[in-house]
Amino acid sequence: MDPIISVATDIKNRIRHLGHLFGAKVTLRRFLASWHNDNQGMDTRWKPNVTVAAIIERDGRYLLIEEHTQEGLRLNNPAGHLDPGESPAQACAREALEETAQPFTPTALVGIYLSRFQRPATGEDITYVRMAFCGDIGELQPHLSLDEGIVRTLWMTPEEVRASAERHRSPLVLRCIEDHLAGQRFPLEVIHTDPAVANLPPLST
C-alpha cells in the first residue's frame, strides 16, 4: 500500500474510533494525543548491525584473520561494519585492507546473510546483516599494520576451516566460504547505493 494512503487510512480509522469512545466530536488535541502515545519509542526502533566480509581465495586456500575478542582468540573472514558515506563494496575493500594490509577489489557478491549473537554476561543481543563479497587480492603492503586487535592473517584450506569451526567468531565464517565453494555469485549491481549516501552533508544539530 502507498505510504500516504496508509497514513490517511490510519488517521481516518483513529478519528472514527475516538468518536465512538468519546461519543462526541473528536478534537485535534485528542487525536494528536492518541497518535503520540502510539508512536512513543519510534526513535529507539530496533535496527540490525550492517557488516561486510571479504571472501578471499587463492590456490585453494582462504584468507582469514585471527583476532582478539571478548570470547578469546577467534577466526574470522576479513570483515567489519559499514561506515557512513560508503557503499557496501567500498566498505568491504576498506575493511580487507585494514585487517590484512592487502588491497582487495570486490568483483561479485557471494550472499547476504542474517545472524544473531548473544553475550549473556553483558546482556548484548545483536542481529547482524552481512554482505559478503569475493574478489581480487593484491600484494602485501609492508608499510601498513594490521587493524587493532588482529594478531595475524592466515591462509587455510576448506578442510582446515571446517575443522576449526569452534574457533570461528560467527557461523557465517564457514557458511560464506561454503557458498563461495559452491560457486554462488551475484553481480555487484544487485546492491544499489544511491548517490545521496555519499553526497548528502550531515544534518546540523
N, C-alpha and C. Protein backbone atom coordinates (compact mmCIF):
# COMPACT_ATOMS: atom_id res chain seq x y z
N MET A 1 0.85 -1.20 0.00
CA MET A 1 0.00 0.00 0.00
C MET A 1 0.87 1.24 0.00
N ASP A 2 0.43 2.25 -0.78
CA ASP A 2 1.16 3.50 -0.81
C ASP A 2 1.23 4.10 0.59
N PRO A 3 2.42 4.58 1.06
CA PRO A 3 2.55 5.10 2.42
C PRO A 3 1.58 6.23 2.72
N ILE A 4 1.33 7.12 1.76
CA ILE A 4 0.43 8.24 2.01
C ILE A 4 -0.99 7.74 2.23
N ILE A 5 -1.42 6.78 1.39
CA ILE A 5 -2.76 6.20 1.55
C ILE A 5 -2.86 5.49 2.88
N SER A 6 -1.78 4.77 3.26
CA SER A 6 -1.78 4.05 4.53
C SER A 6 -1.95 4.99 5.71
N VAL A 7 -1.22 6.13 5.70
CA VAL A 7 -1.33 7.09 6.79
C VAL A 7 -2.72 7.72 6.82
N ALA A 8 -3.25 8.06 5.64
CA ALA A 8 -4.57 8.67 5.59
C ALA A 8 -5.63 7.72 6.12
N THR A 9 -5.53 6.45 5.75
CA THR A 9 -6.48 5.46 6.24
C THR A 9 -6.37 5.30 7.75
N ASP A 10 -5.13 5.32 8.26
CA ASP A 10 -4.91 5.20 9.70
C ASP A 10 -5.54 6.38 10.44
N ILE A 11 -5.36 7.58 9.92
CA ILE A 11 -5.94 8.77 10.55
C ILE A 11 -7.45 8.67 10.57
N LYS A 12 -8.03 8.28 9.45
CA LYS A 12 -9.49 8.15 9.36
C LYS A 12 -10.02 7.15 10.37
N ASN A 13 -9.35 5.99 10.47
CA ASN A 13 -9.80 4.95 11.41
C ASN A 13 -9.65 5.41 12.86
N ARG A 14 -8.58 6.13 13.17
CA ARG A 14 -8.37 6.61 14.53
C ARG A 14 -9.44 7.62 14.93
N ILE A 15 -9.74 8.54 14.02
CA ILE A 15 -10.76 9.55 14.33
C ILE A 15 -12.11 8.88 14.54
N ARG A 16 -12.45 7.91 13.70
CA ARG A 16 -13.73 7.20 13.87
C ARG A 16 -13.76 6.46 15.21
N HIS A 17 -12.62 5.81 15.54
CA HIS A 17 -12.56 5.06 16.80
C HIS A 17 -12.70 6.00 18.00
N LEU A 18 -12.01 7.12 17.98
CA LEU A 18 -12.09 8.07 19.08
C LEU A 18 -13.49 8.66 19.20
N GLY A 19 -14.16 8.84 18.06
CA GLY A 19 -15.52 9.34 18.11
C GLY A 19 -16.45 8.39 18.83
N HIS A 20 -16.24 7.09 18.59
CA HIS A 20 -17.04 6.09 19.29
C HIS A 20 -16.74 6.10 20.79
N LEU A 21 -15.47 6.26 21.14
CA LEU A 21 -15.08 6.23 22.55
C LEU A 21 -15.65 7.41 23.32
N PHE A 22 -15.55 8.58 22.73
CA PHE A 22 -15.97 9.78 23.45
C PHE A 22 -17.43 10.14 23.20
N GLY A 23 -18.05 9.53 22.18
CA GLY A 23 -19.44 9.83 21.89
C GLY A 23 -19.65 11.28 21.53
N ALA A 24 -18.64 11.90 20.99
CA ALA A 24 -18.72 13.32 20.67
C ALA A 24 -17.74 13.62 19.56
N LYS A 25 -17.76 14.87 19.14
CA LYS A 25 -16.84 15.31 18.11
C LYS A 25 -15.40 15.18 18.62
N VAL A 26 -14.55 14.58 17.83
CA VAL A 26 -13.16 14.38 18.23
C VAL A 26 -12.37 15.65 17.96
N THR A 27 -11.70 16.13 18.98
CA THR A 27 -10.90 17.33 18.81
C THR A 27 -9.52 16.96 18.28
N LEU A 28 -8.84 17.93 17.68
CA LEU A 28 -7.49 17.71 17.19
C LEU A 28 -6.56 17.34 18.33
N ARG A 29 -6.77 17.95 19.52
CA ARG A 29 -5.91 17.66 20.66
C ARG A 29 -6.03 16.19 21.06
N ARG A 30 -7.26 15.68 21.09
CA ARG A 30 -7.45 14.28 21.47
C ARG A 30 -6.81 13.34 20.44
N PHE A 31 -6.98 13.69 19.17
CA PHE A 31 -6.39 12.84 18.13
C PHE A 31 -4.87 12.82 18.21
N LEU A 32 -4.26 14.01 18.37
CA LEU A 32 -2.80 14.09 18.44
C LEU A 32 -2.27 13.36 19.66
N ALA A 33 -3.00 13.41 20.78
CA ALA A 33 -2.57 12.69 21.98
C ALA A 33 -2.56 11.19 21.72
N SER A 34 -3.58 10.69 21.03
CA SER A 34 -3.62 9.26 20.70
C SER A 34 -2.48 8.88 19.78
N TRP A 35 -2.25 9.71 18.76
CA TRP A 35 -1.15 9.45 17.80
C TRP A 35 0.19 9.43 18.50
N HIS A 36 0.42 10.37 19.41
CA HIS A 36 1.70 10.46 20.11
C HIS A 36 1.91 9.23 20.98
N ASN A 37 0.89 8.80 21.70
CA ASN A 37 1.04 7.65 22.59
C ASN A 37 1.37 6.38 21.82
N ASP A 38 0.78 6.23 20.63
CA ASP A 38 1.02 5.03 19.84
C ASP A 38 2.39 5.04 19.18
N ASN A 39 3.03 6.20 19.07
CA ASN A 39 4.31 6.28 18.37
C ASN A 39 5.47 6.61 19.30
N GLN A 40 5.25 6.57 20.60
CA GLN A 40 6.36 6.75 21.53
C GLN A 40 7.35 5.59 21.35
N GLY A 41 8.61 5.89 21.41
CA GLY A 41 9.63 4.85 21.26
C GLY A 41 10.07 4.64 19.82
N MET A 42 9.49 5.40 18.87
CA MET A 42 9.90 5.22 17.48
C MET A 42 11.38 5.56 17.28
N ASP A 43 11.92 6.48 18.12
CA ASP A 43 13.32 6.85 17.98
C ASP A 43 14.25 5.77 18.52
N THR A 44 13.70 4.76 19.19
CA THR A 44 14.51 3.66 19.69
C THR A 44 14.16 2.36 18.97
N ARG A 45 13.65 2.48 17.75
CA ARG A 45 13.27 1.30 16.98
C ARG A 45 14.47 0.39 16.78
N TRP A 46 14.22 -0.92 16.88
CA TRP A 46 15.28 -1.91 16.72
C TRP A 46 15.86 -1.84 15.32
N LYS A 47 17.18 -1.96 15.24
CA LYS A 47 17.88 -1.96 13.96
C LYS A 47 19.01 -2.99 14.01
N PRO A 48 19.25 -3.71 12.92
CA PRO A 48 20.38 -4.64 12.88
C PRO A 48 21.68 -3.90 12.60
N ASN A 49 22.80 -4.54 12.91
CA ASN A 49 24.12 -4.02 12.56
C ASN A 49 24.47 -4.48 11.14
N VAL A 50 24.86 -3.53 10.30
CA VAL A 50 25.19 -3.86 8.91
C VAL A 50 26.69 -4.06 8.79
N THR A 51 27.09 -5.22 8.29
CA THR A 51 28.50 -5.56 8.18
C THR A 51 28.82 -6.07 6.77
N VAL A 52 30.11 -6.10 6.47
CA VAL A 52 30.59 -6.62 5.18
C VAL A 52 31.71 -7.61 5.47
N ALA A 53 31.94 -8.52 4.54
CA ALA A 53 33.00 -9.51 4.71
C ALA A 53 33.63 -9.82 3.35
N ALA A 54 34.94 -10.04 3.37
CA ALA A 54 35.69 -10.38 2.15
C ALA A 54 35.97 -11.88 2.15
N ILE A 55 35.50 -12.56 1.13
CA ILE A 55 35.76 -13.99 0.98
C ILE A 55 36.87 -14.13 -0.06
N ILE A 56 38.07 -14.33 0.44
CA ILE A 56 39.28 -14.24 -0.39
C ILE A 56 39.89 -15.63 -0.55
N GLU A 57 39.99 -16.09 -1.79
CA GLU A 57 40.54 -17.42 -2.09
C GLU A 57 41.72 -17.30 -3.05
N ARG A 58 42.75 -18.07 -2.77
CA ARG A 58 43.91 -18.13 -3.66
C ARG A 58 44.49 -19.53 -3.60
N ASP A 59 44.59 -20.16 -4.75
CA ASP A 59 45.18 -21.50 -4.85
C ASP A 59 44.55 -22.49 -3.88
N GLY A 60 43.23 -22.41 -3.76
CA GLY A 60 42.51 -23.38 -2.94
C GLY A 60 42.51 -23.10 -1.45
N ARG A 61 43.07 -21.97 -1.04
CA ARG A 61 43.08 -21.59 0.38
C ARG A 61 42.34 -20.27 0.57
N TYR A 62 41.80 -20.09 1.77
CA TYR A 62 41.04 -18.88 2.09
C TYR A 62 41.77 -18.05 3.14
N LEU A 63 41.74 -16.75 2.92
CA LEU A 63 42.42 -15.82 3.83
C LEU A 63 41.51 -15.47 5.00
N LEU A 64 41.96 -15.82 6.21
CA LEU A 64 41.23 -15.50 7.43
C LEU A 64 42.12 -14.63 8.31
N ILE A 65 41.48 -14.04 9.30
CA ILE A 65 42.24 -13.29 10.30
C ILE A 65 42.00 -13.93 11.67
N GLU A 66 43.01 -13.82 12.51
CA GLU A 66 42.86 -14.26 13.91
C GLU A 66 42.86 -13.00 14.76
N GLU A 67 41.84 -12.82 15.59
CA GLU A 67 41.68 -11.57 16.32
C GLU A 67 41.26 -11.80 17.76
N HIS A 68 41.58 -10.82 18.60
CA HIS A 68 41.15 -10.84 19.99
C HIS A 68 39.69 -10.42 20.08
N THR A 69 38.91 -11.18 20.84
CA THR A 69 37.52 -10.83 21.12
C THR A 69 37.28 -11.04 22.60
N GLN A 70 36.10 -10.66 23.08
CA GLN A 70 35.76 -10.89 24.48
C GLN A 70 35.66 -12.38 24.80
N GLU A 71 35.51 -13.19 23.75
CA GLU A 71 35.45 -14.65 23.93
C GLU A 71 36.81 -15.31 23.71
N GLY A 72 37.86 -14.51 23.56
CA GLY A 72 39.19 -15.04 23.32
C GLY A 72 39.59 -14.91 21.86
N LEU A 73 40.65 -15.58 21.48
CA LEU A 73 41.10 -15.52 20.09
C LEU A 73 40.10 -16.23 19.19
N ARG A 74 39.71 -15.56 18.12
CA ARG A 74 38.72 -16.13 17.20
C ARG A 74 39.17 -15.92 15.76
N LEU A 75 38.69 -16.79 14.88
CA LEU A 75 38.96 -16.70 13.45
C LEU A 75 37.77 -16.05 12.76
N ASN A 76 38.06 -15.23 11.77
CA ASN A 76 37.00 -14.55 11.04
C ASN A 76 37.46 -14.29 9.61
N ASN A 77 36.50 -14.10 8.73
CA ASN A 77 36.83 -13.52 7.43
C ASN A 77 37.21 -12.07 7.67
N PRO A 78 38.04 -11.46 6.83
CA PRO A 78 38.22 -10.01 6.95
C PRO A 78 36.85 -9.34 6.86
N ALA A 79 36.47 -8.63 7.90
CA ALA A 79 35.09 -8.13 7.96
C ALA A 79 35.01 -6.93 8.90
N GLY A 80 33.90 -6.21 8.79
CA GLY A 80 33.69 -5.07 9.67
C GLY A 80 32.38 -4.39 9.35
N HIS A 81 32.16 -3.25 9.98
CA HIS A 81 30.91 -2.53 9.86
C HIS A 81 30.93 -1.54 8.68
N LEU A 82 29.75 -1.36 8.12
CA LEU A 82 29.56 -0.34 7.10
C LEU A 82 29.66 1.03 7.75
N ASP A 83 30.47 1.91 7.17
CA ASP A 83 30.65 3.26 7.70
C ASP A 83 29.79 4.26 6.91
N PRO A 84 29.47 5.40 7.53
CA PRO A 84 28.67 6.41 6.82
C PRO A 84 29.34 6.86 5.53
N GLY A 85 28.54 7.04 4.49
CA GLY A 85 29.03 7.60 3.24
C GLY A 85 29.65 6.63 2.27
N GLU A 86 29.69 5.33 2.57
CA GLU A 86 30.32 4.38 1.67
C GLU A 86 29.34 3.31 1.23
N SER A 87 29.60 2.74 0.07
CA SER A 87 28.81 1.62 -0.41
C SER A 87 29.29 0.34 0.26
N PRO A 88 28.48 -0.73 0.25
CA PRO A 88 28.96 -1.99 0.83
C PRO A 88 30.25 -2.50 0.19
N ALA A 89 30.38 -2.38 -1.13
CA ALA A 89 31.61 -2.84 -1.79
C ALA A 89 32.81 -2.01 -1.35
N GLN A 90 32.63 -0.69 -1.21
CA GLN A 90 33.71 0.17 -0.72
C GLN A 90 34.08 -0.19 0.71
N ALA A 91 33.09 -0.46 1.53
CA ALA A 91 33.35 -0.84 2.91
C ALA A 91 34.13 -2.14 2.98
N CYS A 92 33.80 -3.08 2.12
CA CYS A 92 34.50 -4.37 2.11
C CYS A 92 35.96 -4.20 1.71
N ALA A 93 36.21 -3.38 0.69
CA ALA A 93 37.59 -3.12 0.26
C ALA A 93 38.37 -2.45 1.38
N ARG A 94 37.76 -1.51 2.07
CA ARG A 94 38.44 -0.80 3.17
C ARG A 94 38.75 -1.76 4.32
N GLU A 95 37.76 -2.54 4.74
CA GLU A 95 37.96 -3.46 5.86
C GLU A 95 39.03 -4.50 5.54
N ALA A 96 39.01 -5.02 4.33
CA ALA A 96 40.01 -6.02 3.96
C ALA A 96 41.42 -5.44 4.01
N LEU A 97 41.58 -4.21 3.53
CA LEU A 97 42.89 -3.58 3.58
C LEU A 97 43.33 -3.33 5.02
N GLU A 98 42.41 -2.85 5.85
CA GLU A 98 42.74 -2.55 7.24
C GLU A 98 43.12 -3.81 8.03
N GLU A 99 42.49 -4.92 7.70
CA GLU A 99 42.68 -6.13 8.51
C GLU A 99 43.72 -7.08 7.95
N THR A 100 44.09 -6.94 6.68
CA THR A 100 45.08 -7.85 6.09
C THR A 100 46.30 -7.13 5.54
N ALA A 101 46.24 -5.78 5.42
CA ALA A 101 47.30 -4.99 4.81
C ALA A 101 47.51 -5.36 3.34
N GLN A 102 46.45 -5.86 2.72
CA GLN A 102 46.48 -6.20 1.29
C GLN A 102 45.28 -5.57 0.60
N PRO A 103 45.49 -4.87 -0.51
CA PRO A 103 44.35 -4.28 -1.22
C PRO A 103 43.43 -5.36 -1.77
N PHE A 104 42.12 -5.09 -1.69
CA PHE A 104 41.12 -6.05 -2.13
C PHE A 104 40.11 -5.33 -3.02
N THR A 105 39.81 -5.94 -4.16
CA THR A 105 38.84 -5.37 -5.10
C THR A 105 37.66 -6.33 -5.24
N PRO A 106 36.50 -6.00 -4.68
CA PRO A 106 35.33 -6.87 -4.83
C PRO A 106 34.92 -7.01 -6.29
N THR A 107 34.62 -8.22 -6.71
CA THR A 107 34.18 -8.46 -8.10
C THR A 107 32.79 -9.08 -8.17
N ALA A 108 32.30 -9.64 -7.06
CA ALA A 108 30.97 -10.26 -7.05
C ALA A 108 30.46 -10.35 -5.62
N LEU A 109 29.16 -10.39 -5.49
CA LEU A 109 28.52 -10.60 -4.19
C LEU A 109 28.32 -12.11 -4.01
N VAL A 110 28.79 -12.63 -2.89
CA VAL A 110 28.59 -14.05 -2.59
C VAL A 110 27.22 -14.27 -1.97
N GLY A 111 26.80 -13.38 -1.09
CA GLY A 111 25.49 -13.54 -0.48
C GLY A 111 25.22 -12.48 0.57
N ILE A 112 23.96 -12.41 0.99
CA ILE A 112 23.54 -11.53 2.07
C ILE A 112 22.99 -12.42 3.18
N TYR A 113 23.47 -12.21 4.39
CA TYR A 113 23.19 -13.14 5.48
C TYR A 113 22.65 -12.41 6.71
N LEU A 114 21.83 -13.11 7.47
CA LEU A 114 21.30 -12.59 8.73
C LEU A 114 21.70 -13.54 9.84
N SER A 115 22.27 -12.98 10.91
CA SER A 115 22.68 -13.81 12.04
C SER A 115 22.40 -13.07 13.35
N ARG A 116 22.46 -13.79 14.43
CA ARG A 116 22.18 -13.20 15.75
C ARG A 116 23.20 -13.72 16.76
N PHE A 117 23.67 -12.81 17.60
CA PHE A 117 24.69 -13.16 18.60
C PHE A 117 24.26 -12.64 19.96
N GLN A 118 24.40 -13.48 20.98
CA GLN A 118 24.07 -13.08 22.35
C GLN A 118 25.28 -13.25 23.25
N ARG A 119 25.47 -12.26 24.14
CA ARG A 119 26.54 -12.32 25.13
C ARG A 119 25.87 -12.14 26.50
N PRO A 120 25.50 -13.27 27.15
CA PRO A 120 24.74 -13.19 28.40
C PRO A 120 25.42 -12.36 29.49
N ALA A 121 26.75 -12.38 29.52
CA ALA A 121 27.46 -11.68 30.60
C ALA A 121 27.19 -10.18 30.58
N THR A 122 26.97 -9.62 29.38
CA THR A 122 26.75 -8.18 29.26
C THR A 122 25.33 -7.83 28.84
N GLY A 123 24.52 -8.85 28.55
CA GLY A 123 23.16 -8.60 28.13
C GLY A 123 23.05 -8.19 26.67
N GLU A 124 24.13 -8.31 25.91
CA GLU A 124 24.09 -7.93 24.50
C GLU A 124 23.32 -8.97 23.68
N ASP A 125 22.47 -8.49 22.79
CA ASP A 125 21.70 -9.34 21.89
C ASP A 125 21.69 -8.62 20.54
N ILE A 126 22.58 -9.06 19.64
CA ILE A 126 22.86 -8.31 18.42
C ILE A 126 22.50 -9.13 17.19
N THR A 127 21.77 -8.51 16.28
CA THR A 127 21.47 -9.12 14.98
C THR A 127 22.34 -8.44 13.92
N TYR A 128 22.94 -9.25 13.08
CA TYR A 128 23.82 -8.73 12.03
C TYR A 128 23.26 -9.02 10.65
N VAL A 129 23.36 -8.04 9.76
CA VAL A 129 23.16 -8.25 8.33
C VAL A 129 24.54 -8.20 7.70
N ARG A 130 24.95 -9.29 7.09
CA ARG A 130 26.29 -9.36 6.48
C ARG A 130 26.18 -9.47 4.97
N MET A 131 26.92 -8.62 4.27
CA MET A 131 27.05 -8.71 2.82
C MET A 131 28.48 -9.19 2.52
N ALA A 132 28.58 -10.36 1.92
CA ALA A 132 29.89 -10.97 1.67
C ALA A 132 30.25 -10.86 0.20
N PHE A 133 31.50 -10.43 -0.05
CA PHE A 133 31.98 -10.24 -1.41
C PHE A 133 33.23 -11.09 -1.66
N CYS A 134 33.35 -11.59 -2.87
CA CYS A 134 34.61 -12.20 -3.29
C CYS A 134 35.27 -11.23 -4.27
N GLY A 135 36.55 -11.47 -4.56
CA GLY A 135 37.25 -10.55 -5.45
C GLY A 135 38.72 -10.85 -5.56
N ASP A 136 39.45 -9.84 -5.96
CA ASP A 136 40.89 -9.99 -6.22
C ASP A 136 41.69 -9.36 -5.08
N ILE A 137 42.69 -10.09 -4.61
CA ILE A 137 43.56 -9.61 -3.53
C ILE A 137 44.91 -9.21 -4.11
N GLY A 138 45.43 -8.09 -3.63
CA GLY A 138 46.72 -7.62 -4.10
C GLY A 138 47.85 -8.07 -3.20
N GLU A 139 49.01 -7.51 -3.44
CA GLU A 139 50.19 -7.89 -2.67
C GLU A 139 50.21 -7.20 -1.30
N LEU A 140 50.90 -7.84 -0.37
CA LEU A 140 51.04 -7.30 0.97
C LEU A 140 51.73 -5.94 0.93
N GLN A 141 51.19 -4.99 1.68
CA GLN A 141 51.77 -3.65 1.77
C GLN A 141 52.57 -3.55 3.08
N PRO A 142 53.90 -3.71 3.02
CA PRO A 142 54.71 -3.80 4.23
C PRO A 142 54.61 -2.57 5.13
N HIS A 143 54.27 -1.43 4.58
CA HIS A 143 54.21 -0.20 5.39
C HIS A 143 52.92 -0.10 6.19
N LEU A 144 51.98 -1.00 5.95
CA LEU A 144 50.71 -0.98 6.67
C LEU A 144 50.73 -1.97 7.82
N SER A 145 50.12 -1.59 8.92
CA SER A 145 49.98 -2.51 10.06
C SER A 145 48.56 -3.04 10.12
N LEU A 146 48.39 -4.19 10.72
CA LEU A 146 47.06 -4.78 10.86
C LEU A 146 46.23 -3.98 11.84
N ASP A 147 44.92 -4.01 11.64
CA ASP A 147 44.00 -3.28 12.50
C ASP A 147 44.15 -3.71 13.95
N GLU A 148 43.79 -2.83 14.87
CA GLU A 148 43.90 -3.11 16.30
C GLU A 148 43.11 -4.37 16.66
N GLY A 149 43.74 -5.25 17.43
CA GLY A 149 43.09 -6.47 17.87
C GLY A 149 43.37 -7.68 17.01
N ILE A 150 43.92 -7.45 15.81
CA ILE A 150 44.20 -8.57 14.91
C ILE A 150 45.62 -9.07 15.15
N VAL A 151 45.72 -10.36 15.40
CA VAL A 151 47.01 -10.98 15.72
C VAL A 151 47.79 -11.34 14.47
N ARG A 152 47.08 -11.91 13.49
CA ARG A 152 47.76 -12.36 12.27
C ARG A 152 46.72 -12.70 11.20
N THR A 153 47.22 -12.85 9.98
CA THR A 153 46.40 -13.39 8.90
C THR A 153 46.92 -14.80 8.60
N LEU A 154 46.05 -15.63 8.07
CA LEU A 154 46.48 -16.98 7.72
C LEU A 154 45.64 -17.53 6.58
N TRP A 155 46.29 -18.31 5.74
CA TRP A 155 45.63 -18.97 4.62
C TRP A 155 45.28 -20.39 5.03
N MET A 156 44.01 -20.77 4.88
CA MET A 156 43.55 -22.09 5.34
C MET A 156 42.79 -22.79 4.23
N THR A 157 42.96 -24.10 4.16
CA THR A 157 42.18 -24.90 3.21
C THR A 157 40.74 -25.00 3.72
N PRO A 158 39.80 -25.34 2.85
CA PRO A 158 38.43 -25.53 3.32
C PRO A 158 38.34 -26.57 4.44
N GLU A 159 39.13 -27.62 4.34
CA GLU A 159 39.12 -28.64 5.39
C GLU A 159 39.58 -28.07 6.73
N GLU A 160 40.62 -27.23 6.69
CA GLU A 160 41.11 -26.61 7.92
C GLU A 160 40.09 -25.63 8.50
N VAL A 161 39.39 -24.92 7.62
CA VAL A 161 38.36 -24.00 8.10
C VAL A 161 37.24 -24.78 8.78
N ARG A 162 36.82 -25.86 8.16
CA ARG A 162 35.74 -26.68 8.75
C ARG A 162 36.18 -27.28 10.08
N ALA A 163 37.44 -27.71 10.18
CA ALA A 163 37.92 -28.35 11.40
C ALA A 163 38.07 -27.36 12.56
N SER A 164 38.11 -26.06 12.26
CA SER A 164 38.31 -25.05 13.30
C SER A 164 37.01 -24.31 13.64
N ALA A 165 35.88 -24.90 13.32
CA ALA A 165 34.59 -24.22 13.45
C ALA A 165 34.33 -23.69 14.86
N GLU A 166 34.83 -24.40 15.88
CA GLU A 166 34.58 -23.95 17.26
C GLU A 166 35.33 -22.66 17.58
N ARG A 167 36.28 -22.28 16.75
CA ARG A 167 37.03 -21.05 16.96
C ARG A 167 36.55 -19.90 16.08
N HIS A 168 35.52 -20.14 15.30
CA HIS A 168 35.02 -19.09 14.41
C HIS A 168 34.26 -18.03 15.21
N ARG A 169 34.41 -16.80 14.82
CA ARG A 169 33.71 -15.71 15.50
C ARG A 169 32.21 -15.77 15.24
N SER A 170 31.86 -16.34 14.10
CA SER A 170 30.45 -16.44 13.71
C SER A 170 30.27 -17.67 12.84
N PRO A 171 29.08 -18.28 12.87
CA PRO A 171 28.82 -19.40 11.95
C PRO A 171 28.90 -18.97 10.48
N LEU A 172 28.80 -17.66 10.24
CA LEU A 172 28.84 -17.18 8.87
C LEU A 172 30.23 -17.28 8.25
N VAL A 173 31.27 -17.41 9.08
CA VAL A 173 32.63 -17.57 8.55
C VAL A 173 32.67 -18.76 7.59
N LEU A 174 32.18 -19.89 8.06
CA LEU A 174 32.17 -21.11 7.24
C LEU A 174 31.09 -21.05 6.18
N ARG A 175 29.92 -20.55 6.55
CA ARG A 175 28.81 -20.53 5.59
C ARG A 175 29.17 -19.74 4.33
N CYS A 176 29.81 -18.60 4.49
CA CYS A 176 30.20 -17.79 3.32
C CYS A 176 31.21 -18.53 2.45
N ILE A 177 32.14 -19.23 3.09
CA ILE A 177 33.15 -19.99 2.34
C ILE A 177 32.50 -21.15 1.60
N GLU A 178 31.57 -21.83 2.26
CA GLU A 178 30.88 -22.95 1.60
C GLU A 178 30.07 -22.44 0.40
N ASP A 179 29.43 -21.30 0.52
CA ASP A 179 28.68 -20.75 -0.60
C ASP A 179 29.61 -20.37 -1.74
N HIS A 180 30.79 -19.83 -1.39
CA HIS A 180 31.77 -19.49 -2.42
C HIS A 180 32.26 -20.75 -3.12
N LEU A 181 32.54 -21.79 -2.35
CA LEU A 181 32.98 -23.06 -2.93
C LEU A 181 31.93 -23.64 -3.87
N ALA A 182 30.65 -23.42 -3.54
CA ALA A 182 29.56 -23.93 -4.36
C ALA A 182 29.34 -23.10 -5.63
N GLY A 183 30.11 -22.02 -5.77
CA GLY A 183 30.01 -21.20 -6.97
C GLY A 183 28.95 -20.12 -6.91
N GLN A 184 28.48 -19.82 -5.72
CA GLN A 184 27.44 -18.80 -5.60
C GLN A 184 28.02 -17.41 -5.84
N ARG A 185 27.51 -16.73 -6.83
CA ARG A 185 27.97 -15.39 -7.18
C ARG A 185 26.80 -14.56 -7.70
N PHE A 186 26.79 -13.28 -7.35
CA PHE A 186 25.79 -12.36 -7.87
C PHE A 186 26.51 -11.09 -8.32
N PRO A 187 26.00 -10.41 -9.34
CA PRO A 187 26.66 -9.17 -9.80
C PRO A 187 26.68 -8.12 -8.70
N LEU A 188 27.72 -7.31 -8.70
CA LEU A 188 27.80 -6.21 -7.72
C LEU A 188 26.60 -5.28 -7.83
N GLU A 189 26.03 -5.19 -9.03
CA GLU A 189 24.91 -4.28 -9.26
C GLU A 189 23.65 -4.70 -8.52
N VAL A 190 23.64 -5.90 -7.98
CA VAL A 190 22.48 -6.34 -7.19
C VAL A 190 22.23 -5.38 -6.03
N ILE A 191 23.31 -4.81 -5.48
CA ILE A 191 23.19 -3.85 -4.39
C ILE A 191 23.40 -2.45 -4.96
N HIS A 192 22.35 -1.66 -4.93
CA HIS A 192 22.42 -0.30 -5.45
C HIS A 192 22.64 0.67 -4.30
N THR A 193 23.63 1.53 -4.44
CA THR A 193 23.89 2.57 -3.45
C THR A 193 23.50 3.92 -4.05
N ASP A 194 22.47 4.54 -3.51
CA ASP A 194 22.02 5.83 -4.03
C ASP A 194 23.10 6.88 -3.80
N PRO A 195 23.28 7.80 -4.76
CA PRO A 195 24.31 8.85 -4.62
C PRO A 195 24.16 9.68 -3.33
N ALA A 196 22.94 9.76 -2.80
CA ALA A 196 22.74 10.55 -1.58
C ALA A 196 23.55 10.01 -0.41
N VAL A 197 23.87 8.71 -0.44
CA VAL A 197 24.65 8.13 0.66
C VAL A 197 25.97 8.87 0.83
N ALA A 198 26.61 9.20 -0.26
CA ALA A 198 27.90 9.89 -0.19
C ALA A 198 27.79 11.40 -0.31
N ASN A 199 26.73 11.88 -0.97
CA ASN A 199 26.68 13.29 -1.32
C ASN A 199 25.97 14.19 -0.30
N LEU A 200 25.04 13.63 0.45
CA LEU A 200 24.31 14.47 1.39
C LEU A 200 25.21 14.84 2.57
N PRO A 201 25.25 16.12 2.95
CA PRO A 201 26.04 16.51 4.14
C PRO A 201 25.34 16.06 5.42
N PRO A 202 26.08 15.93 6.50
CA PRO A 202 25.46 15.58 7.79
C PRO A 202 24.47 16.65 8.21
N LEU A 203 23.41 16.22 8.91
CA LEU A 203 22.47 17.19 9.45
C LEU A 203 23.11 17.95 10.59
N SER A 204 22.90 19.25 10.64
CA SER A 204 23.43 20.04 11.74
C SER A 204 22.54 19.85 12.96
N THR A 205 23.15 19.79 14.13
CA THR A 205 22.40 19.60 15.37
C THR A 205 22.49 20.82 16.26
